[in-house]
Amino acid sequence: MKTGNVIPIVIMTNRNPGAIVHECIVVTSDQNCRQCGKCCEKWGWDQKGVIEDIIPWIQNDRTDILSHVGITCTGGQRCTGKDLTAEDLPRVTRIDYWVDAEGRTIQYCPFFSRAGDGKVYCRIHDTKPKVCIGFTPWNEGIRDYALNCPACRDTTP
């Protein structure tokens, strides 16, 4: 059973009206994440963050998350987000997911959790980063990976 269709996305521009600029897989209700963890294992680390992610973490004192966020400020000063305040945000030039307590990049997501049922759960699901929320291998054009994704089953990304 085919669960998605490759369709062109047509964007009108002044330079090239009607040009097809990207193709993607349309996700149907049959195409849901199966929580296998392959995405998180492969791409759940070494991602760039956005200010919009860390604002609620600061507001809600989520030092459990912020201590794993690498921050670079103007002038090249590096630290973790643990002691970051809202007043510091204008100086932030780069946000990196994920780091250890000393600010060194780690090669795994510290919030990745495999349960006894074999499924993977995000320990910060209610407030996980936008890069994680928006990731769907069937829409990313990552052909070599998506062909191995259980949720992509019969589609050809």
N, C-alpha and C. Protein backbone atom coordinates (compact mmCIF):
# COMPACT_ATOMS: atom_id res chain seq x y z
N MET A 1 0.84 -1.18 0.00
CA MET A 1 0.00 0.00 0.00
C MET A 1 0.89 1.24 0.00
N LYS A 2 0.67 2.11 -0.92
CA LYS A 2 1.43 3.36 -0.99
C LYS A 2 0.81 4.34 -0.02
N THR A 3 1.67 4.96 0.82
CA THR A 3 1.15 5.84 1.86
C THR A 3 1.44 7.31 1.62
N GLY A 4 2.10 7.63 0.55
CA GLY A 4 2.37 9.03 0.25
C GLY A 4 2.68 9.18 -1.22
N ASN A 5 2.57 10.37 -1.71
CA ASN A 5 2.85 10.63 -3.12
C ASN A 5 3.88 11.73 -3.25
N VAL A 6 4.80 11.57 -4.20
CA VAL A 6 5.75 12.64 -4.48
C VAL A 6 5.01 13.68 -5.30
N ILE A 7 5.03 14.90 -4.81
CA ILE A 7 4.36 15.96 -5.54
C ILE A 7 5.30 17.15 -5.67
N PRO A 8 5.21 17.88 -6.76
CA PRO A 8 6.03 19.09 -6.85
C PRO A 8 5.37 20.20 -6.05
N ILE A 9 6.18 20.99 -5.39
CA ILE A 9 5.69 22.18 -4.72
C ILE A 9 6.04 23.33 -5.65
N VAL A 10 5.04 24.02 -6.13
CA VAL A 10 5.27 25.11 -7.07
C VAL A 10 5.22 26.42 -6.32
N ILE A 11 6.30 27.17 -6.46
CA ILE A 11 6.38 28.48 -5.81
C ILE A 11 6.52 29.53 -6.91
N MET A 12 5.67 30.50 -6.86
CA MET A 12 5.72 31.57 -7.85
C MET A 12 6.78 32.58 -7.44
N THR A 13 7.68 32.88 -8.33
CA THR A 13 8.70 33.89 -8.08
C THR A 13 8.74 34.82 -9.28
N ASN A 14 9.32 35.98 -9.11
CA ASN A 14 9.47 36.91 -10.22
C ASN A 14 10.50 36.40 -11.22
N ARG A 15 11.52 35.70 -10.73
CA ARG A 15 12.59 35.23 -11.60
C ARG A 15 12.17 34.08 -12.51
N ASN A 16 11.46 33.11 -11.93
CA ASN A 16 11.12 31.91 -12.69
C ASN A 16 9.72 31.46 -12.29
N PRO A 17 8.68 32.16 -12.77
CA PRO A 17 7.31 31.85 -12.36
C PRO A 17 6.96 30.38 -12.62
N GLY A 18 6.36 29.76 -11.60
CA GLY A 18 5.89 28.39 -11.74
C GLY A 18 6.98 27.34 -11.64
N ALA A 19 8.18 27.72 -11.29
CA ALA A 19 9.28 26.76 -11.22
C ALA A 19 9.06 25.78 -10.08
N ILE A 20 9.39 24.53 -10.31
CA ILE A 20 9.34 23.53 -9.26
C ILE A 20 10.64 23.65 -8.48
N VAL A 21 10.54 24.01 -7.21
CA VAL A 21 11.74 24.24 -6.43
C VAL A 21 12.05 23.11 -5.46
N HIS A 22 11.09 22.22 -5.21
CA HIS A 22 11.34 21.15 -4.25
C HIS A 22 10.27 20.08 -4.43
N GLU A 23 10.66 18.84 -4.23
CA GLU A 23 9.68 17.76 -4.20
C GLU A 23 9.69 17.14 -2.82
N CYS A 24 8.53 16.68 -2.37
CA CYS A 24 8.47 16.04 -1.06
C CYS A 24 7.44 14.93 -1.08
N ILE A 25 7.40 14.18 -0.01
CA ILE A 25 6.39 13.15 0.16
C ILE A 25 5.26 13.74 0.99
N VAL A 26 4.05 13.55 0.56
CA VAL A 26 2.91 14.00 1.32
C VAL A 26 2.57 12.92 2.33
N VAL A 27 2.54 13.27 3.58
CA VAL A 27 2.29 12.30 4.64
C VAL A 27 0.79 12.09 4.77
N THR A 28 0.38 10.83 4.80
CA THR A 28 -1.03 10.52 5.01
C THR A 28 -1.20 10.04 6.43
N SER A 29 -2.44 9.80 6.82
CA SER A 29 -2.69 9.34 8.18
C SER A 29 -2.08 7.96 8.42
N ASP A 30 -1.81 7.21 7.35
CA ASP A 30 -1.19 5.90 7.50
C ASP A 30 0.30 5.98 7.79
N GLN A 31 0.89 7.14 7.60
CA GLN A 31 2.33 7.29 7.70
C GLN A 31 2.68 8.03 8.99
N ASN A 32 2.87 7.27 10.05
CA ASN A 32 3.18 7.84 11.35
C ASN A 32 4.51 7.31 11.84
N CYS A 33 5.16 8.10 12.66
CA CYS A 33 6.41 7.66 13.27
C CYS A 33 6.14 6.40 14.09
N ARG A 34 7.01 5.42 13.95
CA ARG A 34 6.86 4.17 14.70
C ARG A 34 7.74 4.12 15.94
N GLN A 35 8.38 5.23 16.24
CA GLN A 35 9.21 5.36 17.43
C GLN A 35 10.32 4.31 17.48
N CYS A 36 10.93 4.06 16.32
CA CYS A 36 12.02 3.09 16.27
C CYS A 36 13.32 3.68 16.80
N GLY A 37 13.44 5.01 16.79
CA GLY A 37 14.63 5.67 17.32
C GLY A 37 15.73 5.91 16.31
N LYS A 38 15.57 5.42 15.08
CA LYS A 38 16.63 5.57 14.09
C LYS A 38 16.95 7.04 13.81
N CYS A 39 15.94 7.88 13.72
CA CYS A 39 16.18 9.31 13.47
C CYS A 39 16.97 9.94 14.61
N CYS A 40 16.54 9.68 15.83
CA CYS A 40 17.21 10.27 16.99
C CYS A 40 18.64 9.76 17.12
N GLU A 41 18.85 8.49 16.82
CA GLU A 41 20.20 7.94 16.91
C GLU A 41 21.12 8.55 15.86
N LYS A 42 20.58 8.80 14.67
CA LYS A 42 21.41 9.31 13.58
C LYS A 42 21.54 10.83 13.61
N TRP A 43 20.44 11.54 13.90
CA TRP A 43 20.44 13.00 13.82
C TRP A 43 20.06 13.71 15.11
N GLY A 44 19.93 13.01 16.21
CA GLY A 44 19.47 13.63 17.45
C GLY A 44 20.53 14.40 18.20
N TRP A 45 21.64 14.70 17.56
CA TRP A 45 22.73 15.43 18.18
C TRP A 45 23.44 16.25 17.11
N ASP A 46 24.28 17.16 17.53
CA ASP A 46 25.01 18.04 16.62
C ASP A 46 24.07 18.84 15.71
N GLN A 47 22.98 19.31 16.29
CA GLN A 47 22.03 20.14 15.57
C GLN A 47 22.14 21.58 16.07
N LYS A 48 21.80 22.50 15.21
CA LYS A 48 21.80 23.91 15.58
C LYS A 48 20.43 24.27 16.16
N GLY A 49 20.45 25.06 17.22
CA GLY A 49 19.22 25.45 17.88
C GLY A 49 18.78 26.85 17.51
N VAL A 50 17.61 27.21 18.02
CA VAL A 50 17.06 28.54 17.79
C VAL A 50 16.63 29.15 19.13
N ILE A 51 16.67 30.47 19.19
CA ILE A 51 16.30 31.21 20.40
C ILE A 51 14.90 30.81 20.88
N GLU A 52 13.98 30.61 19.94
CA GLU A 52 12.59 30.28 20.31
C GLU A 52 12.50 29.00 21.15
N ASP A 53 13.47 28.10 21.00
CA ASP A 53 13.49 26.90 21.82
C ASP A 53 13.88 27.21 23.26
N ILE A 54 14.91 28.03 23.41
CA ILE A 54 15.46 28.20 24.76
C ILE A 54 14.70 29.20 25.63
N ILE A 55 13.90 30.07 25.02
CA ILE A 55 13.13 31.04 25.83
C ILE A 55 12.23 30.32 26.84
N PRO A 56 11.39 29.36 26.42
CA PRO A 56 10.56 28.69 27.44
C PRO A 56 11.37 27.86 28.43
N TRP A 57 12.51 27.34 28.00
CA TRP A 57 13.36 26.59 28.93
C TRP A 57 13.90 27.50 30.02
N ILE A 58 14.25 28.74 29.65
CA ILE A 58 14.71 29.72 30.63
C ILE A 58 13.54 30.11 31.54
N GLN A 59 12.40 30.44 30.94
CA GLN A 59 11.23 30.89 31.70
C GLN A 59 10.76 29.83 32.69
N ASN A 60 10.90 28.56 32.33
CA ASN A 60 10.43 27.46 33.18
C ASN A 60 11.55 26.81 33.98
N ASP A 61 12.70 27.47 34.01
CA ASP A 61 13.86 27.00 34.78
C ASP A 61 14.21 25.54 34.46
N ARG A 62 14.24 25.23 33.17
CA ARG A 62 14.55 23.86 32.73
C ARG A 62 16.06 23.67 32.59
N THR A 63 16.75 23.78 33.72
CA THR A 63 18.20 23.60 33.71
C THR A 63 18.58 22.18 33.31
N ASP A 64 17.66 21.22 33.46
CA ASP A 64 17.93 19.85 33.01
C ASP A 64 18.16 19.82 31.50
N ILE A 65 17.50 20.70 30.76
CA ILE A 65 17.68 20.81 29.32
C ILE A 65 18.83 21.77 29.03
N LEU A 66 18.77 22.95 29.62
CA LEU A 66 19.74 24.00 29.34
C LEU A 66 21.18 23.58 29.63
N SER A 67 21.38 22.68 30.56
CA SER A 67 22.75 22.25 30.87
C SER A 67 23.35 21.42 29.73
N HIS A 68 22.51 21.00 28.77
CA HIS A 68 22.98 20.24 27.61
C HIS A 68 22.98 21.07 26.33
N VAL A 69 22.75 22.39 26.47
CA VAL A 69 22.72 23.28 25.32
C VAL A 69 24.01 24.09 25.28
N GLY A 70 24.72 23.99 24.17
CA GLY A 70 25.94 24.78 24.00
C GLY A 70 25.58 26.16 23.49
N ILE A 71 26.14 27.17 24.12
CA ILE A 71 25.85 28.56 23.76
C ILE A 71 27.15 29.25 23.37
N THR A 72 27.12 29.97 22.26
CA THR A 72 28.23 30.84 21.89
C THR A 72 27.67 32.26 21.84
N CYS A 73 28.36 33.17 22.49
CA CYS A 73 27.92 34.57 22.54
C CYS A 73 28.86 35.43 21.71
N THR A 74 28.45 36.68 21.49
CA THR A 74 29.31 37.62 20.79
C THR A 74 30.67 37.65 21.48
N GLY A 75 31.71 37.76 20.70
CA GLY A 75 33.06 37.72 21.24
C GLY A 75 33.59 36.30 21.38
N GLY A 76 32.77 35.31 21.01
CA GLY A 76 33.23 33.92 21.03
C GLY A 76 33.12 33.23 22.37
N GLN A 77 32.59 33.89 23.39
CA GLN A 77 32.44 33.28 24.70
C GLN A 77 31.51 32.07 24.60
N ARG A 78 31.95 30.92 25.13
CA ARG A 78 31.16 29.69 25.09
C ARG A 78 30.78 29.25 26.49
N CYS A 79 29.59 28.69 26.62
CA CYS A 79 29.12 28.17 27.90
C CYS A 79 27.95 27.24 27.63
N THR A 80 27.42 26.64 28.68
CA THR A 80 26.18 25.89 28.51
C THR A 80 25.05 26.86 28.82
N GLY A 81 23.85 26.46 28.51
CA GLY A 81 22.70 27.33 28.75
C GLY A 81 22.22 27.33 30.18
N LYS A 82 22.86 26.55 31.05
CA LYS A 82 22.40 26.39 32.43
C LYS A 82 22.22 27.71 33.16
N ASP A 83 23.15 28.63 33.00
CA ASP A 83 23.08 29.91 33.72
C ASP A 83 22.61 31.06 32.84
N LEU A 84 22.09 30.74 31.68
CA LEU A 84 21.62 31.75 30.74
C LEU A 84 20.36 32.43 31.27
N THR A 85 20.27 33.72 31.06
CA THR A 85 19.05 34.46 31.44
C THR A 85 18.47 35.10 30.18
N ALA A 86 17.26 35.57 30.28
CA ALA A 86 16.61 36.23 29.14
C ALA A 86 17.40 37.46 28.71
N GLU A 87 18.08 38.12 29.64
CA GLU A 87 18.88 39.30 29.32
C GLU A 87 20.10 38.95 28.47
N ASP A 88 20.55 37.68 28.53
CA ASP A 88 21.71 37.24 27.76
C ASP A 88 21.37 36.95 26.30
N LEU A 89 20.11 36.74 25.99
CA LEU A 89 19.71 36.29 24.65
C LEU A 89 20.18 37.17 23.50
N PRO A 90 20.18 38.50 23.62
CA PRO A 90 20.66 39.31 22.49
C PRO A 90 22.14 39.06 22.13
N ARG A 91 22.91 38.52 23.06
CA ARG A 91 24.33 38.26 22.81
C ARG A 91 24.58 36.87 22.24
N VAL A 92 23.56 36.02 22.19
CA VAL A 92 23.72 34.65 21.70
C VAL A 92 23.88 34.66 20.18
N THR A 93 24.96 34.05 19.70
CA THR A 93 25.20 33.99 18.25
C THR A 93 25.05 32.57 17.71
N ARG A 94 25.07 31.58 18.60
CA ARG A 94 24.95 30.20 18.15
C ARG A 94 24.43 29.33 19.30
N ILE A 95 23.57 28.37 18.94
CA ILE A 95 23.03 27.41 19.90
C ILE A 95 23.28 26.02 19.33
N ASP A 96 23.88 25.15 20.15
CA ASP A 96 24.19 23.79 19.71
C ASP A 96 23.52 22.76 20.61
N TYR A 97 22.88 21.78 19.98
CA TYR A 97 22.33 20.63 20.71
C TYR A 97 23.21 19.43 20.40
N TRP A 98 23.75 18.74 21.24
CA TRP A 98 23.75 18.69 22.68
C TRP A 98 25.18 18.67 23.18
N VAL A 99 25.39 19.11 24.44
CA VAL A 99 26.73 19.16 25.03
C VAL A 99 26.71 18.52 26.42
N ASP A 100 27.93 18.20 26.92
CA ASP A 100 28.03 17.69 28.29
C ASP A 100 28.16 18.86 29.26
N ALA A 101 28.36 18.58 30.53
CA ALA A 101 28.41 19.63 31.56
C ALA A 101 29.56 20.62 31.34
N GLU A 102 30.62 20.17 30.64
CA GLU A 102 31.75 21.06 30.35
C GLU A 102 31.59 21.80 29.03
N GLY A 103 30.48 21.59 28.34
CA GLY A 103 30.23 22.28 27.08
C GLY A 103 30.79 21.58 25.85
N ARG A 104 31.29 20.35 26.01
CA ARG A 104 31.81 19.58 24.86
C ARG A 104 30.66 18.87 24.15
N THR A 105 30.70 18.89 22.83
CA THR A 105 29.68 18.23 22.03
C THR A 105 29.61 16.75 22.37
N ILE A 106 28.40 16.24 22.56
CA ILE A 106 28.20 14.81 22.77
C ILE A 106 27.53 14.24 21.53
N GLN A 107 27.76 12.99 21.25
CA GLN A 107 27.27 12.38 20.02
C GLN A 107 26.06 11.50 20.23
N TYR A 108 25.15 12.00 21.05
CA TYR A 108 23.88 11.33 21.29
C TYR A 108 22.93 12.36 21.90
N CYS A 109 21.68 12.06 21.88
CA CYS A 109 20.71 12.94 22.53
C CYS A 109 20.56 12.49 23.98
N PRO A 110 20.78 13.37 24.94
CA PRO A 110 20.68 12.99 26.34
C PRO A 110 19.25 12.72 26.81
N PHE A 111 18.27 12.99 25.95
CA PHE A 111 16.87 12.81 26.31
C PHE A 111 16.23 11.62 25.60
N PHE A 112 17.03 10.87 24.89
CA PHE A 112 16.62 9.67 24.17
C PHE A 112 16.43 8.56 25.19
N SER A 113 15.29 7.88 25.14
CA SER A 113 15.02 6.81 26.10
C SER A 113 14.31 5.66 25.40
N ARG A 114 14.94 4.48 25.43
CA ARG A 114 14.31 3.29 24.84
C ARG A 114 13.60 2.54 25.96
N ALA A 115 12.32 2.31 25.80
CA ALA A 115 11.51 1.65 26.82
C ALA A 115 11.52 0.13 26.64
N GLY A 116 10.96 -0.54 27.58
CA GLY A 116 10.89 -2.00 27.55
C GLY A 116 10.10 -2.54 26.37
N ASP A 117 9.21 -1.72 25.81
CA ASP A 117 8.43 -2.16 24.65
C ASP A 117 9.20 -2.00 23.35
N GLY A 118 10.46 -1.53 23.45
CA GLY A 118 11.30 -1.35 22.27
C GLY A 118 11.14 -0.01 21.60
N LYS A 119 10.13 0.74 21.99
CA LYS A 119 9.90 2.06 21.40
C LYS A 119 10.79 3.09 22.07
N VAL A 120 11.08 4.14 21.31
CA VAL A 120 11.89 5.23 21.82
C VAL A 120 10.97 6.38 22.22
N TYR A 121 11.27 6.95 23.36
CA TYR A 121 10.51 8.07 23.89
C TYR A 121 11.46 9.23 24.16
N CYS A 122 10.97 10.43 23.95
CA CYS A 122 11.73 11.64 24.24
C CYS A 122 11.36 12.08 25.65
N ARG A 123 12.37 12.20 26.50
CA ARG A 123 12.10 12.59 27.89
C ARG A 123 11.71 14.06 28.03
N ILE A 124 11.86 14.84 26.95
CA ILE A 124 11.43 16.24 26.97
C ILE A 124 10.41 16.49 25.86
N HIS A 125 9.62 15.49 25.56
CA HIS A 125 8.67 15.56 24.44
C HIS A 125 7.80 16.82 24.49
N ASP A 126 7.35 17.20 25.67
CA ASP A 126 6.45 18.35 25.79
C ASP A 126 7.11 19.68 25.45
N THR A 127 8.45 19.70 25.36
CA THR A 127 9.14 20.95 25.08
C THR A 127 10.40 20.74 24.25
N LYS A 128 10.38 19.70 23.41
CA LYS A 128 11.58 19.40 22.63
C LYS A 128 11.84 20.46 21.57
N PRO A 129 13.08 20.53 21.08
CA PRO A 129 13.45 21.57 20.11
C PRO A 129 12.69 21.47 18.79
N LYS A 130 12.58 22.62 18.14
CA LYS A 130 11.89 22.69 16.85
C LYS A 130 12.51 21.75 15.81
N VAL A 131 13.83 21.60 15.84
CA VAL A 131 14.50 20.73 14.87
C VAL A 131 14.01 19.29 15.03
N CYS A 132 13.67 18.90 16.24
CA CYS A 132 13.17 17.54 16.48
C CYS A 132 11.68 17.44 16.12
N ILE A 133 10.93 18.43 16.50
CA ILE A 133 9.49 18.44 16.22
C ILE A 133 9.23 18.35 14.72
N GLY A 134 9.99 19.12 13.96
CA GLY A 134 9.74 19.22 12.53
C GLY A 134 10.37 18.14 11.67
N PHE A 135 11.15 17.24 12.27
CA PHE A 135 11.86 16.25 11.45
C PHE A 135 10.97 15.08 11.08
N THR A 136 10.85 14.84 9.79
CA THR A 136 10.16 13.66 9.27
C THR A 136 10.99 13.15 8.11
N PRO A 137 11.57 11.97 8.22
CA PRO A 137 12.48 11.51 7.17
C PRO A 137 11.81 11.39 5.80
N TRP A 138 10.52 11.14 5.77
CA TRP A 138 9.84 11.00 4.49
C TRP A 138 9.67 12.32 3.79
N ASN A 139 9.86 13.44 4.48
CA ASN A 139 9.76 14.76 3.86
C ASN A 139 11.10 15.45 3.72
N GLU A 140 12.16 14.87 4.20
CA GLU A 140 13.44 15.54 4.24
C GLU A 140 14.29 15.33 2.99
N GLY A 141 13.91 14.42 2.13
CA GLY A 141 14.72 14.17 0.94
C GLY A 141 16.02 13.47 1.26
N ILE A 142 16.04 12.77 2.37
CA ILE A 142 17.22 12.03 2.78
C ILE A 142 17.03 10.60 2.29
N ARG A 143 17.17 10.44 1.02
CA ARG A 143 16.82 9.19 0.36
C ARG A 143 17.53 7.98 0.96
N ASP A 144 18.83 8.08 1.21
CA ASP A 144 19.55 6.92 1.73
C ASP A 144 19.02 6.48 3.09
N TYR A 145 18.60 7.43 3.90
CA TYR A 145 18.08 7.09 5.21
C TYR A 145 16.60 6.72 5.14
N ALA A 146 15.82 7.54 4.47
CA ALA A 146 14.37 7.35 4.47
C ALA A 146 13.96 5.98 3.93
N LEU A 147 14.76 5.43 3.04
CA LEU A 147 14.42 4.11 2.52
C LEU A 147 14.53 3.03 3.58
N ASN A 148 15.22 3.33 4.68
CA ASN A 148 15.34 2.38 5.78
C ASN A 148 14.43 2.71 6.96
N CYS A 149 13.65 3.76 6.84
CA CYS A 149 12.76 4.18 7.92
C CYS A 149 11.50 3.33 7.90
N PRO A 150 11.16 2.66 9.01
CA PRO A 150 9.95 1.83 9.04
C PRO A 150 8.68 2.61 8.74
N ALA A 151 8.64 3.89 9.08
CA ALA A 151 7.44 4.68 8.82
C ALA A 151 7.29 5.00 7.34
N CYS A 152 8.39 4.92 6.59
CA CYS A 152 8.34 5.22 5.16
C CYS A 152 7.88 4.01 4.35
N ARG A 153 7.85 2.87 4.97
CA ARG A 153 7.50 1.57 4.39
C ARG A 153 7.39 1.55 2.87
N ASP A 154 6.25 1.70 2.30
CA ASP A 154 6.06 1.50 0.87
C ASP A 154 6.24 2.76 0.03
N THR A 155 6.68 3.83 0.63
CA THR A 155 6.87 5.06 -0.15
C THR A 155 8.28 5.10 -0.69
N THR A 156 8.49 5.91 -1.66
CA THR A 156 9.83 6.11 -2.19
C THR A 156 10.16 7.59 -2.10
N PRO A 157 10.78 7.99 -0.99
CA PRO A 157 11.09 9.41 -0.81
C PRO A 157 12.07 9.92 -1.85
